[in-house]
N, C-alpha and C. Protein backbone atom coordinates (compact mmCIF):
# COMPACT_ATOMS: atom_id res chain seq x y z
N MET A 1 8.01 4.41 -11.46
CA MET A 1 9.36 3.91 -11.41
C MET A 1 9.38 2.43 -11.31
N LYS A 2 10.25 1.82 -12.06
CA LYS A 2 10.34 0.38 -12.13
C LYS A 2 10.83 -0.13 -10.81
N ARG A 3 10.56 -1.40 -10.52
CA ARG A 3 11.02 -2.00 -9.29
C ARG A 3 12.52 -1.90 -9.12
N GLU A 4 13.28 -2.18 -10.14
CA GLU A 4 14.73 -2.16 -10.01
C GLU A 4 15.22 -0.82 -9.61
N LYS A 5 14.74 0.23 -10.11
CA LYS A 5 15.23 1.58 -9.76
C LYS A 5 14.84 1.90 -8.27
N GLU A 6 13.62 1.43 -7.81
CA GLU A 6 13.22 1.68 -6.50
C GLU A 6 14.01 0.96 -5.53
N TYR A 7 14.36 -0.32 -5.88
CA TYR A 7 15.26 -1.13 -4.99
C TYR A 7 16.66 -0.53 -4.96
N ARG A 8 17.14 -0.08 -6.09
CA ARG A 8 18.49 0.53 -6.06
C ARG A 8 18.53 1.85 -5.27
N HIS A 9 17.46 2.53 -5.34
CA HIS A 9 17.33 3.76 -4.47
C HIS A 9 17.40 3.43 -3.01
N SER A 10 16.62 2.41 -2.61
CA SER A 10 16.64 1.94 -1.20
C SER A 10 18.00 1.51 -0.80
N ALA A 11 18.62 0.72 -1.71
CA ALA A 11 20.03 0.22 -1.40
C ALA A 11 21.00 1.39 -1.15
N ASN A 12 20.85 2.41 -1.99
CA ASN A 12 21.74 3.56 -1.84
C ASN A 12 21.42 4.33 -0.53
N ASP A 13 20.22 4.41 -0.18
CA ASP A 13 19.75 5.02 0.96
C ASP A 13 20.36 4.31 2.19
N GLY A 14 20.31 2.92 2.21
CA GLY A 14 20.82 2.15 3.26
C GLY A 14 22.41 2.40 3.40
N ARG A 15 23.07 2.49 2.27
CA ARG A 15 24.54 2.72 2.32
C ARG A 15 24.84 4.06 2.83
N GLU A 16 24.06 5.06 2.40
CA GLU A 16 24.27 6.44 2.91
C GLU A 16 24.07 6.46 4.47
N ARG A 17 23.05 5.82 4.91
CA ARG A 17 22.82 5.80 6.40
C ARG A 17 23.89 5.08 7.10
N ALA A 18 24.36 4.04 6.53
CA ALA A 18 25.52 3.35 7.12
C ALA A 18 26.72 4.14 7.25
N ALA A 19 27.04 4.97 6.23
CA ALA A 19 28.22 5.82 6.23
C ALA A 19 28.05 6.93 7.40
N LYS A 20 26.89 7.27 7.69
CA LYS A 20 26.68 8.34 8.68
C LYS A 20 26.51 7.79 10.09
N GLU A 21 26.36 6.45 10.23
CA GLU A 21 26.10 5.88 11.51
C GLU A 21 27.33 5.73 12.36
N GLN A 22 27.26 6.07 13.61
CA GLN A 22 28.39 5.94 14.52
C GLN A 22 28.51 4.64 15.15
N SER A 23 27.40 4.00 15.44
CA SER A 23 27.34 2.67 16.04
C SER A 23 27.78 1.64 15.00
N ALA A 24 28.72 0.81 15.40
CA ALA A 24 29.18 -0.28 14.37
C ALA A 24 28.09 -1.23 14.20
N LEU A 25 27.33 -1.60 15.23
CA LEU A 25 26.17 -2.52 15.04
C LEU A 25 25.15 -1.96 14.06
N PHE A 26 24.75 -0.71 14.30
CA PHE A 26 23.74 -0.21 13.31
C PHE A 26 24.32 0.04 11.95
N ARG A 27 25.58 0.44 11.81
CA ARG A 27 26.16 0.56 10.56
C ARG A 27 26.21 -0.78 9.79
N ALA A 28 26.45 -1.84 10.49
CA ALA A 28 26.49 -3.18 9.80
C ALA A 28 25.06 -3.51 9.33
N GLN A 29 24.06 -3.21 10.18
CA GLN A 29 22.71 -3.53 9.85
C GLN A 29 22.22 -2.77 8.59
N TRP A 30 22.61 -1.47 8.47
CA TRP A 30 22.22 -0.69 7.31
C TRP A 30 22.98 -1.19 6.11
N GLU A 31 24.21 -1.63 6.28
CA GLU A 31 24.91 -2.23 5.11
C GLU A 31 24.32 -3.46 4.65
N ILE A 32 23.81 -4.27 5.60
CA ILE A 32 23.20 -5.60 5.22
C ILE A 32 21.87 -5.31 4.50
N LEU A 33 21.14 -4.36 5.00
CA LEU A 33 19.85 -3.93 4.32
C LEU A 33 20.14 -3.38 2.96
N GLY A 34 21.13 -2.55 2.78
CA GLY A 34 21.49 -2.16 1.43
C GLY A 34 21.85 -3.21 0.47
N ALA A 35 22.63 -4.16 1.04
CA ALA A 35 23.00 -5.36 0.18
C ALA A 35 21.75 -6.20 -0.23
N ARG A 36 20.85 -6.36 0.64
CA ARG A 36 19.56 -7.15 0.31
C ARG A 36 18.76 -6.41 -0.76
N TYR A 37 18.66 -5.12 -0.63
CA TYR A 37 17.96 -4.32 -1.64
C TYR A 37 18.70 -4.42 -3.08
N THR A 38 20.01 -4.48 -2.99
CA THR A 38 20.84 -4.64 -4.27
C THR A 38 20.44 -6.07 -4.86
N GLU A 39 20.37 -7.04 -3.98
CA GLU A 39 19.92 -8.38 -4.49
C GLU A 39 18.54 -8.36 -5.13
N LEU A 40 17.60 -7.65 -4.45
CA LEU A 40 16.27 -7.55 -4.96
C LEU A 40 16.25 -6.84 -6.34
N ALA A 41 17.07 -5.83 -6.47
CA ALA A 41 17.16 -5.11 -7.80
C ALA A 41 17.60 -6.07 -8.88
N ALA A 42 18.61 -6.88 -8.57
CA ALA A 42 19.11 -7.83 -9.58
C ALA A 42 17.99 -8.88 -9.87
N GLN A 43 17.37 -9.37 -8.86
CA GLN A 43 16.25 -10.36 -9.09
C GLN A 43 15.10 -9.72 -9.89
N SER A 44 14.85 -8.48 -9.62
CA SER A 44 13.64 -7.83 -10.36
C SER A 44 13.96 -7.73 -11.86
N THR A 45 15.24 -7.59 -12.24
CA THR A 45 15.48 -7.52 -13.74
C THR A 45 15.30 -8.90 -14.40
N LYS A 46 15.45 -9.96 -13.60
CA LYS A 46 15.30 -11.28 -14.10
C LYS A 46 13.81 -11.59 -14.27
N LEU A 47 12.97 -11.07 -13.31
CA LEU A 47 11.56 -11.28 -13.29
C LEU A 47 10.72 -10.39 -14.19
N GLY A 48 11.38 -9.25 -14.58
CA GLY A 48 10.62 -8.22 -15.36
C GLY A 48 9.65 -7.58 -14.51
N GLU A 49 8.58 -7.08 -15.08
CA GLU A 49 7.59 -6.35 -14.44
C GLU A 49 6.33 -7.08 -13.98
N ILE A 50 6.48 -8.43 -13.97
CA ILE A 50 5.38 -9.21 -13.48
C ILE A 50 5.12 -9.01 -12.00
N ASP A 51 3.92 -9.24 -11.53
CA ASP A 51 3.64 -8.97 -10.11
C ASP A 51 4.28 -10.02 -9.20
N ALA A 52 4.92 -9.61 -8.16
CA ALA A 52 5.59 -10.53 -7.24
C ALA A 52 4.49 -10.92 -6.24
N GLN A 53 4.69 -12.15 -5.68
CA GLN A 53 3.70 -12.60 -4.69
C GLN A 53 3.92 -11.73 -3.44
N TYR A 54 5.15 -11.46 -2.99
CA TYR A 54 5.33 -10.43 -1.93
C TYR A 54 6.28 -9.48 -2.40
N ASP A 55 5.77 -8.20 -2.34
CA ASP A 55 6.64 -7.05 -2.76
C ASP A 55 6.83 -6.13 -1.61
N PRO A 56 8.02 -5.96 -1.12
CA PRO A 56 8.31 -5.12 -0.01
C PRO A 56 8.11 -3.60 -0.24
N ILE A 57 7.89 -3.20 -1.49
CA ILE A 57 7.67 -1.85 -1.83
C ILE A 57 6.25 -1.68 -2.36
N PRO A 58 5.40 -1.17 -1.60
CA PRO A 58 3.98 -0.97 -2.08
C PRO A 58 3.95 0.05 -3.15
N TRP A 59 3.35 -0.21 -4.26
CA TRP A 59 3.38 0.62 -5.46
C TRP A 59 2.52 1.87 -5.29
N ASP A 60 1.55 1.88 -4.36
CA ASP A 60 0.76 3.11 -4.15
C ASP A 60 1.63 4.14 -3.46
N ARG A 61 2.64 3.64 -2.57
CA ARG A 61 3.53 4.55 -1.89
C ARG A 61 4.44 5.26 -3.02
N THR A 62 4.89 4.43 -3.86
CA THR A 62 5.81 4.99 -4.89
C THR A 62 5.13 5.98 -5.75
N ARG A 63 3.88 5.74 -6.13
CA ARG A 63 3.13 6.71 -6.92
C ARG A 63 2.96 8.07 -6.23
N GLN A 64 2.61 7.96 -4.90
CA GLN A 64 2.36 9.17 -4.12
C GLN A 64 3.66 9.98 -4.05
N ARG A 65 4.78 9.37 -3.82
CA ARG A 65 6.06 10.04 -3.67
C ARG A 65 6.40 10.82 -4.93
N HIS A 66 6.15 10.22 -6.20
CA HIS A 66 6.47 10.86 -7.42
C HIS A 66 5.41 11.90 -7.77
N GLU A 67 4.26 11.81 -7.37
CA GLU A 67 3.08 12.73 -7.71
C GLU A 67 3.37 14.00 -6.91
N LYS A 68 4.05 13.92 -5.74
CA LYS A 68 4.19 15.18 -4.94
C LYS A 68 5.27 16.05 -5.60
N LYS A 69 6.19 15.51 -6.36
CA LYS A 69 7.22 16.31 -6.89
C LYS A 69 6.76 17.21 -8.02
């Protein structure tokens, strides 16, 4: 899976968790996290598939997740 899709998946996950959260503080934190992943998705399209110096999504984890399906 490309970086952009993984970041968008993480952003959607954050938004879903925010919608379910009862605490206003935690809801806001999940929304902020979702927004940051959306920004990373936008940046990843500009950078393409070159290796990032720091990548918050380890690619071995992504491969393992998709191999299990």
